[in-house]
Amino acid sequence: MTHLANEIGALRARIENLHLDMIELREDVKTLNSQVSMGKGAVRFVGIAGSVILALTTAIAWFGQNFKSISQ
């Protein structure tokens, strides 16, 4: 009977450790999820900013080409 009680105690300790590991893993996943969300936002911002810069550069080049002949 003592051996059985020791085994049950060992199993309880393992379950507690697994539970604590799961809590730690859940916190790590939450942190990683927030970092991924911030990364997505940064990529979205860079994409929009790049598109705006490209559009402005293209418009300036187009105006420069079209109005160069008028000013000469």
N, C-alpha and C. Protein backbone atom coordinates (compact mmCIF):
# COMPACT_ATOMS: atom_id res chain seq x y z
N MET A 1 0.82 -1.19 0.00
CA MET A 1 0.00 0.00 0.00
C MET A 1 0.86 1.26 0.00
N THR A 2 1.98 1.21 0.70
CA THR A 2 2.88 2.36 0.75
C THR A 2 3.44 2.66 -0.63
N HIS A 3 3.76 1.60 -1.36
CA HIS A 3 4.28 1.76 -2.72
C HIS A 3 3.24 2.46 -3.60
N LEU A 4 2.00 2.06 -3.47
CA LEU A 4 0.92 2.68 -4.24
C LEU A 4 0.76 4.17 -3.88
N ALA A 5 0.86 4.49 -2.61
CA ALA A 5 0.77 5.88 -2.16
C ALA A 5 1.93 6.70 -2.72
N ASN A 6 3.12 6.11 -2.77
CA ASN A 6 4.28 6.80 -3.34
C ASN A 6 4.08 7.05 -4.84
N GLU A 7 3.54 6.06 -5.53
CA GLU A 7 3.29 6.22 -6.97
C GLU A 7 2.26 7.32 -7.23
N ILE A 8 1.21 7.34 -6.42
CA ILE A 8 0.19 8.37 -6.57
C ILE A 8 0.79 9.75 -6.30
N GLY A 9 1.63 9.86 -5.28
CA GLY A 9 2.30 11.11 -4.99
C GLY A 9 3.20 11.56 -6.14
N ALA A 10 3.90 10.62 -6.74
CA ALA A 10 4.76 10.94 -7.88
C ALA A 10 3.93 11.40 -9.07
N LEU A 11 2.80 10.73 -9.29
CA LEU A 11 1.92 11.14 -10.39
C LEU A 11 1.35 12.53 -10.15
N ARG A 12 0.99 12.84 -8.93
CA ARG A 12 0.49 14.18 -8.61
C ARG A 12 1.56 15.23 -8.90
N ALA A 13 2.79 14.93 -8.51
CA ALA A 13 3.88 15.87 -8.75
C ALA A 13 4.08 16.08 -10.26
N ARG A 14 4.01 15.00 -11.02
CA ARG A 14 4.15 15.12 -12.47
C ARG A 14 3.02 15.95 -13.08
N ILE A 15 1.80 15.72 -12.59
CA ILE A 15 0.65 16.47 -13.10
C ILE A 15 0.80 17.95 -12.76
N GLU A 16 1.25 18.25 -11.54
CA GLU A 16 1.47 19.66 -11.17
C GLU A 16 2.52 20.30 -12.06
N ASN A 17 3.61 19.58 -12.33
CA ASN A 17 4.66 20.12 -13.19
C ASN A 17 4.15 20.32 -14.62
N LEU A 18 3.36 19.38 -15.11
CA LEU A 18 2.78 19.53 -16.44
C LEU A 18 1.85 20.74 -16.49
N HIS A 19 1.07 20.91 -15.44
CA HIS A 19 0.15 22.05 -15.38
C HIS A 19 0.92 23.37 -15.40
N LEU A 20 1.98 23.45 -14.60
CA LEU A 20 2.80 24.66 -14.58
C LEU A 20 3.47 24.89 -15.93
N ASP A 21 3.93 23.82 -16.58
CA ASP A 21 4.52 23.94 -17.91
C ASP A 21 3.49 24.44 -18.93
N MET A 22 2.25 23.96 -18.80
CA MET A 22 1.20 24.40 -19.72
C MET A 22 0.89 25.88 -19.51
N ILE A 23 0.88 26.33 -18.27
CA ILE A 23 0.63 27.75 -17.98
C ILE A 23 1.75 28.59 -18.58
N GLU A 24 3.00 28.15 -18.40
CA GLU A 24 4.14 28.87 -18.96
C GLU A 24 4.07 28.89 -20.48
N LEU A 25 3.72 27.77 -21.08
CA LEU A 25 3.59 27.69 -22.53
C LEU A 25 2.49 28.62 -23.03
N ARG A 26 1.36 28.68 -22.32
CA ARG A 26 0.26 29.56 -22.69
C ARG A 26 0.71 31.02 -22.68
N GLU A 27 1.48 31.41 -21.66
CA GLU A 27 1.99 32.78 -21.58
C GLU A 27 2.96 33.06 -22.73
N ASP A 28 3.79 32.08 -23.06
CA ASP A 28 4.72 32.26 -24.19
C ASP A 28 3.97 32.42 -25.50
N VAL A 29 2.90 31.66 -25.67
CA VAL A 29 2.10 31.75 -26.89
C VAL A 29 1.42 33.12 -26.97
N LYS A 30 0.92 33.62 -25.84
CA LYS A 30 0.30 34.96 -25.82
C LYS A 30 1.31 36.02 -26.22
N THR A 31 2.52 35.93 -25.67
CA THR A 31 3.57 36.89 -25.99
C THR A 31 3.93 36.82 -27.47
N LEU A 32 4.10 35.61 -27.97
CA LEU A 32 4.44 35.43 -29.37
C LEU A 32 3.32 35.95 -30.28
N ASN A 33 2.09 35.71 -29.88
CA ASN A 33 0.95 36.18 -30.66
C ASN A 33 0.93 37.71 -30.74
N SER A 34 1.22 38.38 -29.64
CA SER A 34 1.24 39.84 -29.67
C SER A 34 2.41 40.35 -30.52
N GLN A 35 3.54 39.66 -30.48
CA GLN A 35 4.68 40.06 -31.31
C GLN A 35 4.37 39.87 -32.79
N VAL A 36 3.69 38.80 -33.12
CA VAL A 36 3.30 38.56 -34.52
C VAL A 36 2.32 39.63 -34.97
N SER A 37 1.38 40.01 -34.10
CA SER A 37 0.43 41.06 -34.44
C SER A 37 1.13 42.38 -34.69
N MET A 38 2.11 42.70 -33.85
CA MET A 38 2.87 43.94 -34.05
C MET A 38 3.66 43.86 -35.35
N GLY A 39 4.21 42.69 -35.65
CA GLY A 39 4.96 42.52 -36.89
C GLY A 39 4.07 42.68 -38.11
N LYS A 40 2.86 42.14 -38.03
CA LYS A 40 1.91 42.31 -39.14
C LYS A 40 1.57 43.77 -39.34
N GLY A 41 1.37 44.49 -38.25
CA GLY A 41 1.08 45.91 -38.34
C GLY A 41 2.24 46.68 -38.95
N ALA A 42 3.46 46.33 -38.56
CA ALA A 42 4.63 47.00 -39.11
C ALA A 42 4.77 46.72 -40.60
N VAL A 43 4.55 45.47 -41.00
CA VAL A 43 4.63 45.12 -42.42
C VAL A 43 3.55 45.85 -43.21
N ARG A 44 2.35 45.93 -42.66
CA ARG A 44 1.26 46.64 -43.32
C ARG A 44 1.61 48.12 -43.48
N PHE A 45 2.15 48.73 -42.42
CA PHE A 45 2.54 50.15 -42.48
C PHE A 45 3.62 50.37 -43.54
N VAL A 46 4.63 49.51 -43.55
CA VAL A 46 5.70 49.65 -44.53
C VAL A 46 5.16 49.48 -45.94
N GLY A 47 4.24 48.55 -46.13
CA GLY A 47 3.64 48.35 -47.44
C GLY A 47 2.85 49.55 -47.91
N ILE A 48 2.07 50.13 -47.01
CA ILE A 48 1.26 51.31 -47.37
C ILE A 48 2.18 52.50 -47.63
N ALA A 49 3.18 52.70 -46.76
CA ALA A 49 4.11 53.81 -46.95
C ALA A 49 4.87 53.65 -48.26
N GLY A 50 5.30 52.44 -48.57
CA GLY A 50 6.00 52.19 -49.82
C GLY A 50 5.13 52.46 -51.03
N SER A 51 3.88 52.07 -50.94
CA SER A 51 2.94 52.32 -52.04
C SER A 51 2.73 53.81 -52.26
N VAL A 52 2.60 54.55 -51.16
CA VAL A 52 2.41 56.00 -51.27
C VAL A 52 3.66 56.65 -51.88
N ILE A 53 4.83 56.26 -51.41
CA ILE A 53 6.07 56.81 -51.97
C ILE A 53 6.21 56.47 -53.44
N LEU A 54 5.89 55.23 -53.81
CA LEU A 54 5.95 54.83 -55.22
C LEU A 54 4.97 55.64 -56.06
N ALA A 55 3.76 55.84 -55.56
CA ALA A 55 2.77 56.60 -56.31
C ALA A 55 3.22 58.06 -56.48
N LEU A 56 3.74 58.66 -55.42
CA LEU A 56 4.22 60.04 -55.51
C LEU A 56 5.40 60.17 -56.47
N THR A 57 6.33 59.23 -56.38
CA THR A 57 7.49 59.26 -57.28
C THR A 57 7.05 59.10 -58.73
N THR A 58 6.13 58.19 -58.97
CA THR A 58 5.63 57.97 -60.33
C THR A 58 4.90 59.22 -60.84
N ALA A 59 4.09 59.83 -59.99
CA ALA A 59 3.36 61.04 -60.40
C ALA A 59 4.33 62.17 -60.70
N ILE A 60 5.35 62.35 -59.87
CA ILE A 60 6.34 63.41 -60.11
C ILE A 60 7.10 63.15 -61.40
N ALA A 61 7.49 61.91 -61.64
CA ALA A 61 8.20 61.57 -62.88
C ALA A 61 7.31 61.81 -64.09
N TRP A 62 6.03 61.45 -63.96
CA TRP A 62 5.09 61.63 -65.08
C TRP A 62 4.90 63.12 -65.39
N PHE A 63 4.70 63.91 -64.31
CA PHE A 63 4.58 65.36 -64.52
C PHE A 63 5.86 65.93 -65.13
N GLY A 64 6.99 65.47 -64.66
CA GLY A 64 8.27 65.95 -65.18
C GLY A 64 8.42 65.64 -66.66
N GLN A 65 8.02 64.44 -67.06
CA GLN A 65 8.12 64.08 -68.48
C GLN A 65 7.11 64.83 -69.33
N ASN A 66 5.90 64.99 -68.85
CA ASN A 66 4.87 65.64 -69.64
C ASN A 66 5.05 67.15 -69.74
N PHE A 67 5.52 67.78 -68.70
CA PHE A 67 5.62 69.23 -68.70
C PHE A 67 7.04 69.72 -69.06
N LYS A 68 7.97 68.77 -69.27
CA LYS A 68 9.31 69.17 -69.70
C LYS A 68 9.26 69.80 -71.10
N SER A 69 8.47 69.22 -71.98
CA SER A 69 8.37 69.73 -73.35
C SER A 69 7.66 71.09 -73.40
N ILE A 70 6.76 71.35 -72.46
CA ILE A 70 6.04 72.63 -72.43
C ILE A 70 6.98 73.76 -71.98
N SER A 71 7.81 73.48 -71.01
CA SER A 71 8.67 74.53 -70.46
C SER A 71 9.86 74.83 -71.37
N GLN A 72 10.19 73.97 -72.31
CA GLN A 72 11.34 74.22 -73.20
C GLN A 72 10.98 75.04 -74.37
